[in-house]
Amino acid sequence: MAKRKNIPEYGTVVMNGIEYYRTRIEDADGKRVALYAKTREELYDKVQEAKNQIKECSFRKENPTVKEYAEKWLLMQSAHVRKTTMVDYTSKVKNYIIKPLGHMYMADVTADDIKIAMIRASEKSESVYHGVNMLMKCIFYSAEDSHIISENPTKKLCAKGGIPQKDKEALTDEQVDKLLDAIKGLPPYVFVMLGLYAGLRREEILGLQWDCVHLDLEAPYISVRRAWHVEHNRPIILTELKTKAARRDIPIPKCLIDCLREAKEKSKSDYVIANRDGGPLSYTQFQRVWKYIRTRSTKERTYVRYVNGERIKHTVKPVLGEVARHNGKVIYSLDFQVTPHQLRHTYITNLIYAQVDPKTVQYLAGHENSKVTMDIYAKVKYNKPTELAAVVNGAFSRLSS
């Protein structure tokens, strides 16, 4: 015989001429809510279902998954973190934290789970690993402070890891001449000139508008007031810069003044570097611009071609001075590699070689932390034996006499 339900004597209420049974229960947030049904049995079943949902909701509030809590943590950061920083945080959290751990409850994550999750980040650069490490710790320390977890599995997480990045080398004067000769009159020319002779970051160059280029003054200069950023390949121009120090006015040399005057005469856009419609470049448009430089280098590269529907890899081994087989306008004239940041690094290095004092270099480079400037300064100025020989010999000349 089936066990009979012990159904309470519910109160009733008439709505629109129909009598309903009614009761009230407390939801997961402590609020009183009313439930209605035409029969006592139906109302009883509704109450049981609601209680189960409330119980599950309460459990999830007290025991969220890593995905739920990580997304909540990101939302909390969005109130006081730069938009570009939030994009970086979101990407790292999604790919390196939620992807391996998102299905687990926060309270169930162990130190071993954290170490395994960090393996993917360890295969990336030191900077990526450091960023993921920091975010992992922030999320779990926040959960610990909120009493979501009693034991923090990231406490012994090592901060060191990732693939060491090679020291960035500045371009030599000879390499600069070769680069400018190779791209004269081509789309990346003005970008390269701004990097080499104003030291702007990529996002500062691509966000630069003509209202911040002051050419008709006794001392022409560029004002850094905007930064380019992309979301899903769409360009976004921000007036909020990387740091307060990034907002600066940079005097520019004659070679850049002449380049910008010529570019301005031809320009039909508010942007110094613009697409065909006069707007800022998207990420893929910038990649196409930079391709003019890559295709003129002697670096071996592989293309994929489809012949009769078959995917065939085609390797190109450029020889310096030769003309590209499939494009007679391209000559392999660069026997070195160039990155956008290398242009800025060359600018800073040239300031140091010119004996510009570190604080001035820091201002012109837009470095907020003097340590960044001094690290570059020390590597450039004091790492060459030929530069140091006279200093060392002078220091120990007494012992030689």
Protein backbone atom coordinates (compact mmCIF):
# COMPACT_ATOMS: atom_id res chain seq x y z
CA MET A 1 0.00 0.00 0.00
CA ALA A 2 1.41 3.43 -0.98
CA LYS A 3 2.28 5.72 1.86
CA ARG A 4 -0.19 8.59 2.11
CA LYS A 5 1.16 12.13 2.04
CA ASN A 6 0.63 14.13 5.22
CA ILE A 7 -0.94 17.11 3.43
CA PRO A 8 -1.38 20.28 5.55
CA GLU A 9 -4.65 22.16 5.82
CA TYR A 10 -3.81 25.09 3.53
CA GLY A 11 -5.67 28.37 3.60
CA THR A 12 -7.76 29.44 0.64
CA VAL A 13 -8.18 32.61 -1.38
CA VAL A 14 -10.62 33.56 -4.15
CA MET A 15 -9.19 35.20 -7.28
CA ASN A 16 -11.35 36.07 -10.30
CA GLY A 17 -14.16 34.01 -8.84
CA ILE A 18 -11.99 30.87 -8.47
CA GLU A 19 -10.98 29.41 -5.11
CA TYR A 20 -7.28 28.52 -4.72
CA TYR A 21 -5.31 26.90 -1.92
CA ARG A 22 -2.46 29.13 -0.80
CA THR A 23 0.65 28.95 1.38
CA ARG A 24 3.82 30.99 1.84
CA ILE A 25 7.44 29.82 2.07
CA GLU A 26 10.80 31.54 2.49
CA ASP A 27 13.07 31.58 -0.58
CA ALA A 28 16.88 31.35 -0.67
CA ASP A 29 17.18 35.10 -0.06
CA GLY A 30 14.90 34.99 3.00
CA LYS A 31 11.94 36.58 1.23
CA ARG A 32 8.37 35.30 1.77
CA VAL A 33 6.74 34.14 -1.48
CA ALA A 34 3.22 32.82 -2.06
CA LEU A 35 2.33 29.59 -3.88
CA TYR A 36 -1.15 28.77 -5.28
CA ALA A 37 -2.95 25.65 -6.57
CA LYS A 38 -6.49 24.45 -7.18
CA THR A 39 -6.10 21.35 -4.99
CA ARG A 40 -4.28 20.64 -1.74
CA GLU A 41 -2.33 17.79 -3.39
CA GLU A 42 -1.15 20.04 -6.24
CA LEU A 43 -0.09 22.76 -3.78
CA TYR A 44 1.75 20.21 -1.66
CA ASP A 45 3.75 19.04 -4.71
CA LYS A 46 4.54 22.66 -5.61
CA VAL A 47 5.84 23.32 -2.10
CA GLN A 48 8.11 20.25 -2.19
CA GLU A 49 9.48 21.22 -5.61
CA ALA A 50 10.10 24.79 -4.46
CA LYS A 51 11.90 23.61 -1.30
CA ASN A 52 14.19 21.38 -3.37
CA GLN A 53 15.02 24.30 -5.68
CA ILE A 54 15.68 26.58 -2.69
CA LYS A 55 17.91 23.94 -1.12
CA GLU A 56 19.88 23.55 -4.35
CA CYS A 57 20.15 27.32 -4.75
CA SER A 58 21.40 27.72 -1.18
CA PHE A 59 23.97 25.00 -1.76
CA ARG A 60 25.19 26.67 -4.94
CA LYS A 61 25.45 30.02 -3.15
CA GLU A 62 27.59 28.48 -0.45
CA ASN A 63 29.44 26.13 -2.84
CA PRO A 64 29.79 27.83 -6.25
CA THR A 65 31.71 26.25 -9.08
CA VAL A 66 35.00 27.77 -10.15
CA LYS A 67 33.24 29.10 -13.27
CA GLU A 68 30.48 30.77 -11.23
CA TYR A 69 32.84 32.34 -8.71
CA ALA A 70 35.48 33.38 -11.28
CA GLU A 71 32.81 35.17 -13.34
CA LYS A 72 31.51 36.87 -10.19
CA TRP A 73 35.07 37.95 -9.31
CA LEU A 74 35.53 39.43 -12.80
CA LEU A 75 32.28 41.35 -12.41
CA MET A 76 33.51 42.79 -9.11
CA GLN A 77 36.77 43.92 -10.75
CA SER A 78 35.00 45.66 -13.63
CA ALA A 79 34.01 48.55 -11.36
CA HIS A 80 37.58 49.74 -10.79
CA VAL A 81 39.79 48.22 -13.52
CA ARG A 82 40.57 49.72 -16.94
CA LYS A 83 38.53 48.33 -19.82
CA THR A 84 41.62 47.02 -21.62
CA THR A 85 42.82 45.35 -18.42
CA MET A 86 39.41 43.71 -18.00
CA VAL A 87 39.63 42.27 -21.51
CA ASP A 88 43.02 40.76 -20.61
CA TYR A 89 41.72 39.43 -17.27
CA THR A 90 38.64 37.90 -18.89
CA SER A 91 40.66 36.17 -21.59
CA LYS A 92 43.15 34.67 -19.13
CA VAL A 93 40.46 33.59 -16.65
CA LYS A 94 38.39 31.96 -19.40
CA ASN A 95 41.28 30.11 -21.07
CA TYR A 96 43.52 29.18 -18.15
CA ILE A 97 41.22 28.96 -15.10
CA ILE A 98 37.62 28.28 -16.16
CA LYS A 99 38.59 25.91 -18.98
CA PRO A 100 40.45 23.40 -16.75
CA LEU A 101 38.67 24.02 -13.42
CA GLY A 102 35.29 25.61 -14.20
CA HIS A 103 33.23 22.44 -13.62
CA MET A 104 34.64 21.89 -10.11
CA TYR A 105 33.19 23.31 -6.89
CA MET A 106 35.48 25.92 -5.32
CA ALA A 107 35.66 23.95 -2.07
CA ASP A 108 36.75 20.78 -3.89
CA VAL A 109 39.76 22.28 -5.70
CA THR A 110 43.09 21.01 -4.36
CA ALA A 111 46.66 22.26 -4.72
CA ASP A 112 47.28 19.44 -7.22
CA ASP A 113 44.32 20.61 -9.33
CA ILE A 114 45.84 24.10 -9.39
CA LYS A 115 49.26 22.79 -10.47
CA ILE A 116 47.72 20.74 -13.28
CA ALA A 117 45.65 23.74 -14.41
CA MET A 118 48.81 25.89 -14.55
CA ILE A 119 50.58 23.52 -16.96
CA ARG A 120 49.01 25.17 -20.02
CA ALA A 121 50.05 28.63 -18.80
CA SER A 122 53.59 27.35 -18.14
CA GLU A 123 53.90 26.59 -21.88
CA LYS A 124 53.37 30.28 -22.64
CA SER A 125 55.63 33.26 -21.99
CA GLU A 126 56.75 34.34 -18.52
CA SER A 127 54.39 37.33 -18.67
CA VAL A 128 51.35 35.16 -19.50
CA TYR A 129 52.25 32.69 -16.74
CA HIS A 130 52.73 35.50 -14.22
CA GLY A 131 49.35 37.03 -15.16
CA VAL A 132 47.47 33.72 -14.83
CA ASN A 133 49.27 32.99 -11.55
CA MET A 134 48.20 36.36 -10.16
CA LEU A 135 44.57 35.91 -11.25
CA MET A 136 44.38 32.38 -9.84
CA LYS A 137 45.60 33.61 -6.46
CA CYS A 138 43.31 36.65 -6.46
CA ILE A 139 40.22 34.55 -7.16
CA PHE A 140 40.93 31.94 -4.47
CA TYR A 141 42.08 34.49 -1.86
CA SER A 142 38.84 36.40 -2.50
CA ALA A 143 36.86 33.18 -2.00
CA GLU A 144 38.75 32.54 1.23
CA ASP A 145 37.99 36.05 2.52
CA SER A 146 34.30 35.50 1.69
CA HIS A 147 34.32 32.15 3.56
CA ILE A 148 33.50 30.25 0.37
CA ILE A 149 36.51 28.02 1.00
CA SER A 150 38.30 27.19 4.25
CA GLU A 151 41.62 26.12 2.67
CA ASN A 152 43.27 28.13 -0.10
CA PRO A 153 44.84 25.73 -2.66
CA THR A 154 46.95 28.50 -4.26
CA LYS A 155 48.99 29.37 -1.15
CA LYS A 156 52.06 27.43 -2.31
CA LEU A 157 51.64 28.21 -6.00
CA CYS A 158 55.06 29.17 -7.39
CA ALA A 159 55.24 32.58 -9.05
CA LYS A 160 58.05 31.49 -11.39
CA GLY A 161 57.25 29.77 -14.65
CA GLY A 162 56.61 30.20 -18.33
CA ILE A 163 59.04 30.43 -21.21
CA PRO A 164 61.70 33.12 -20.63
CA GLN A 165 61.44 35.95 -23.11
CA LYS A 166 64.51 36.96 -25.06
CA ASP A 167 65.91 40.39 -24.37
CA LYS A 168 64.62 42.81 -26.96
CA GLU A 169 67.40 44.10 -29.22
CA ALA A 170 67.22 47.60 -30.61
CA LEU A 171 67.65 48.01 -34.36
CA THR A 172 71.04 49.28 -35.46
CA ASP A 173 71.32 52.44 -37.57
CA GLU A 174 72.05 50.24 -40.59
CA GLN A 175 68.95 48.13 -39.95
CA VAL A 176 66.81 51.26 -39.55
CA ASP A 177 68.04 52.54 -42.93
CA LYS A 178 67.32 49.18 -44.59
CA LEU A 179 63.84 49.01 -43.05
CA LEU A 180 62.86 52.53 -44.13
CA ASP A 181 64.23 52.00 -47.64
CA ALA A 182 62.27 48.73 -47.96
CA ILE A 183 58.90 50.27 -47.04
CA LYS A 184 59.20 53.83 -48.35
CA GLY A 185 55.82 54.78 -49.82
CA LEU A 186 54.10 51.68 -48.40
CA PRO A 187 51.31 51.53 -45.75
CA PRO A 188 53.54 50.77 -42.71
CA TYR A 189 55.97 53.66 -43.34
CA VAL A 190 54.30 56.32 -41.16
CA PHE A 191 53.68 53.75 -38.39
CA VAL A 192 57.37 52.78 -38.39
CA MET A 193 58.50 56.42 -38.35
CA LEU A 194 56.27 57.17 -35.34
CA GLY A 195 57.71 54.17 -33.50
CA LEU A 196 61.33 54.99 -34.31
CA TYR A 197 61.24 58.75 -33.77
CA ALA A 198 58.49 59.30 -31.18
CA GLY A 199 58.72 56.00 -29.29
CA LEU A 200 54.95 55.50 -29.25
CA ARG A 201 53.43 52.17 -28.29
CA ARG A 202 51.46 50.37 -30.99
CA GLU A 203 48.14 51.28 -29.36
CA GLU A 204 49.23 54.94 -29.12
CA ILE A 205 50.19 55.10 -32.81
CA LEU A 206 46.95 53.49 -34.00
CA GLY A 207 44.88 55.76 -31.75
CA LEU A 208 46.71 58.94 -32.80
CA GLN A 209 44.56 61.62 -34.43
CA TRP A 210 45.69 64.74 -36.23
CA ASP A 211 44.36 67.03 -33.49
CA CYS A 212 47.21 65.71 -31.33
CA VAL A 213 49.91 66.29 -33.96
CA HIS A 214 51.22 69.86 -33.57
CA LEU A 215 53.42 70.62 -36.57
CA ASP A 216 53.07 74.39 -36.93
CA LEU A 217 54.81 75.40 -33.72
CA GLU A 218 58.35 76.51 -33.01
CA ALA A 219 58.92 73.14 -31.33
CA PRO A 220 56.56 70.62 -33.00
CA TYR A 221 55.31 67.79 -30.80
CA ILE A 222 52.83 64.94 -30.48
CA SER A 223 50.33 64.71 -27.62
CA VAL A 224 49.54 61.18 -26.48
CA ARG A 225 45.89 61.29 -25.44
CA ARG A 226 44.25 58.19 -26.97
CA ALA A 227 44.90 54.47 -27.20
CA TRP A 228 43.75 51.91 -29.76
CA HIS A 229 42.24 48.66 -28.58
CA VAL A 230 40.32 45.84 -30.26
CA GLU A 231 37.44 43.65 -29.13
CA HIS A 232 36.51 40.80 -31.46
CA ASN A 233 38.63 42.46 -34.17
CA ARG A 234 36.70 45.75 -33.90
CA PRO A 235 38.78 48.85 -33.08
CA ILE A 236 37.93 50.84 -29.97
CA ILE A 237 39.64 54.16 -29.24
CA LEU A 238 40.03 54.91 -25.55
CA THR A 239 40.92 58.18 -23.86
CA GLU A 240 41.93 56.18 -20.80
CA LEU A 241 45.60 55.36 -21.30
CA LYS A 242 47.73 52.49 -20.01
CA THR A 243 48.99 54.59 -17.07
CA LYS A 244 48.98 58.25 -16.03
CA ALA A 245 52.56 58.49 -17.28
CA ALA A 246 51.43 57.47 -20.78
CA ARG A 247 49.77 60.89 -21.14
CA ARG A 248 52.67 62.99 -22.41
CA ASP A 249 53.83 65.54 -25.00
CA ILE A 250 56.71 64.36 -27.15
CA PRO A 251 58.93 66.74 -29.17
CA ILE A 252 59.65 65.24 -32.58
CA PRO A 253 62.71 65.46 -34.86
CA LYS A 254 62.73 66.99 -38.34
CA CYS A 255 62.63 63.66 -40.19
CA LEU A 256 59.34 62.78 -38.48
CA ILE A 257 57.97 66.32 -38.90
CA ASP A 258 58.54 66.10 -42.67
CA CYS A 259 57.00 62.61 -42.81
CA LEU A 260 53.88 63.74 -40.93
CA ARG A 261 53.46 66.90 -43.01
CA GLU A 262 53.44 64.82 -46.18
CA ALA A 263 51.04 62.27 -44.66
CA LYS A 264 48.68 65.00 -43.44
CA GLU A 265 48.46 66.58 -46.90
CA LYS A 266 47.28 63.25 -48.32
CA SER A 267 45.04 62.30 -45.39
CA LYS A 268 41.25 62.45 -45.54
CA SER A 269 40.81 61.06 -42.04
CA ASP A 270 40.98 62.24 -38.44
CA TYR A 271 43.40 59.37 -37.83
CA VAL A 272 47.07 59.48 -38.73
CA ILE A 273 46.95 55.73 -39.49
CA ALA A 274 43.56 55.00 -41.06
CA ASN A 275 41.77 52.38 -43.12
CA ARG A 276 40.19 53.07 -46.51
CA ASP A 277 37.04 54.43 -44.87
CA GLY A 278 39.00 56.85 -42.70
CA GLY A 279 38.45 54.93 -39.48
CA PRO A 280 40.96 53.26 -37.15
CA LEU A 281 42.42 49.93 -38.21
CA SER A 282 40.96 46.65 -37.02
CA TYR A 283 43.38 44.01 -35.74
CA THR A 284 43.39 42.09 -39.04
CA GLN A 285 43.88 45.34 -40.97
CA PHE A 286 46.93 46.13 -38.86
CA GLN A 287 48.27 42.61 -39.48
CA ARG A 288 47.91 43.21 -43.22
CA VAL A 289 49.81 46.49 -42.90
CA TRP A 290 52.63 44.81 -40.97
CA LYS A 291 52.74 42.01 -43.55
CA TYR A 292 54.48 44.46 -45.93
CA ILE A 293 57.47 44.22 -43.58
CA ARG A 294 57.31 40.47 -42.92
CA THR A 295 57.15 39.58 -46.61
CA ARG A 296 60.36 41.55 -47.29
CA SER A 297 62.39 39.62 -44.71
CA THR A 298 64.54 36.57 -45.39
CA LYS A 299 62.86 34.50 -42.68
CA GLU A 300 61.78 31.09 -43.94
CA ARG A 301 58.00 30.71 -43.94
CA THR A 302 55.34 28.21 -44.91
CA TYR A 303 52.12 28.90 -46.81
CA VAL A 304 49.16 26.62 -47.43
CA ARG A 305 47.90 26.37 -50.98
CA TYR A 306 44.99 24.34 -52.36
CA VAL A 307 45.62 22.54 -55.64
CA ASN A 308 42.63 20.64 -57.06
CA GLY A 309 41.08 20.69 -53.60
CA GLU A 310 44.20 19.24 -51.98
CA ARG A 311 45.85 21.13 -49.12
CA ILE A 312 49.57 21.54 -49.91
CA LYS A 313 52.20 23.21 -47.72
CA HIS A 314 54.50 25.50 -49.65
CA THR A 315 57.76 26.59 -48.00
CA VAL A 316 59.52 29.78 -49.08
CA LYS A 317 63.23 30.21 -48.36
CA PRO A 318 63.92 33.84 -49.30
CA VAL A 319 67.39 34.83 -50.47
CA LEU A 320 68.59 38.34 -49.66
CA GLY A 321 68.31 40.62 -52.68
CA GLU A 322 66.09 38.32 -54.72
CA VAL A 323 62.65 39.24 -56.05
CA ALA A 324 59.69 37.28 -54.64
CA ARG A 325 58.53 34.60 -57.09
CA HIS A 326 54.83 35.47 -56.90
CA ASN A 327 55.16 39.25 -56.50
CA GLY A 328 57.65 41.19 -58.60
CA LYS A 329 57.23 44.27 -56.39
CA VAL A 330 58.64 42.49 -53.33
CA ILE A 331 62.41 42.28 -52.85
CA TYR A 332 63.83 40.30 -49.92
CA SER A 333 65.86 43.16 -48.44
CA LEU A 334 65.62 42.59 -44.68
CA ASP A 335 67.97 40.00 -43.16
CA PHE A 336 66.55 40.65 -39.68
CA GLN A 337 63.18 40.44 -37.95
CA VAL A 338 61.20 43.47 -36.77
CA THR A 339 58.35 43.74 -34.24
CA PRO A 340 56.23 46.84 -33.54
CA HIS A 341 57.62 47.07 -30.00
CA GLN A 342 61.17 46.91 -31.34
CA LEU A 343 60.65 50.32 -32.93
CA ARG A 344 59.85 51.85 -29.54
CA HIS A 345 62.76 50.00 -27.93
CA THR A 346 65.08 51.46 -30.60
CA TYR A 347 63.81 54.97 -29.79
CA ILE A 348 64.49 54.53 -26.07
CA THR A 349 67.91 52.99 -26.74
CA ASN A 350 68.89 55.89 -29.00
CA LEU A 351 67.93 58.38 -26.27
CA ILE A 352 70.19 56.54 -23.84
CA TYR A 353 73.09 56.43 -26.34
CA ALA A 354 72.64 60.19 -26.76
CA GLN A 355 73.30 60.60 -23.00
CA VAL A 356 69.73 61.73 -22.21
CA ASP A 357 69.22 61.50 -18.45
CA PRO A 358 67.06 58.61 -17.13
CA LYS A 359 64.21 60.78 -15.83
CA THR A 360 63.79 62.44 -19.23
CA VAL A 361 63.88 59.04 -20.93
CA GLN A 362 61.23 57.84 -18.47
CA TYR A 363 58.95 60.79 -19.35
CA LEU A 364 59.39 60.50 -23.12
CA ALA A 365 58.82 56.75 -23.02
CA GLY A 366 55.72 57.12 -20.84
CA HIS A 367 57.06 54.71 -18.22
CA GLU A 368 55.19 54.95 -14.93
CA ASN A 369 57.80 52.94 -13.06
CA SER A 370 61.38 54.22 -13.18
CA LYS A 371 62.57 50.63 -12.68
CA VAL A 372 61.47 49.79 -16.24
CA THR A 373 63.50 52.71 -17.60
CA MET A 374 66.53 51.94 -15.48
CA ASP A 375 66.52 48.25 -16.41
CA ILE A 376 66.68 49.20 -20.09
CA TYR A 377 69.17 51.97 -19.31
CA ALA A 378 71.50 49.57 -17.48
CA LYS A 379 71.36 46.90 -20.19
CA VAL A 380 72.04 49.38 -22.96
CA LYS A 381 74.68 51.52 -21.26
CA TYR A 382 76.56 49.09 -19.06
CA ASN A 383 76.41 45.70 -20.74
CA LYS A 384 79.06 46.20 -23.44
CA PRO A 385 82.71 45.41 -22.60
CA THR A 386 83.95 47.98 -25.13
CA GLU A 387 82.00 50.68 -23.29
CA LEU A 388 83.19 49.54 -19.87
CA ALA A 389 86.86 48.86 -20.60
CA ALA A 390 87.98 52.43 -19.94
CA VAL A 391 85.92 52.61 -16.73
CA VAL A 392 87.35 49.37 -15.34
CA ASN A 393 90.92 50.20 -16.34
CA GLY A 394 90.55 53.61 -14.73
CA ALA A 395 89.28 52.10 -11.50
CA PHE A 396 92.28 49.82 -11.16
CA SER A 397 94.95 52.03 -12.71
CA ARG A 398 96.65 52.44 -9.30
CA LEU A 399 97.39 48.70 -9.19
CA SER A 400 98.93 48.79 -12.66
CA SER A 401 101.37 51.60 -11.91
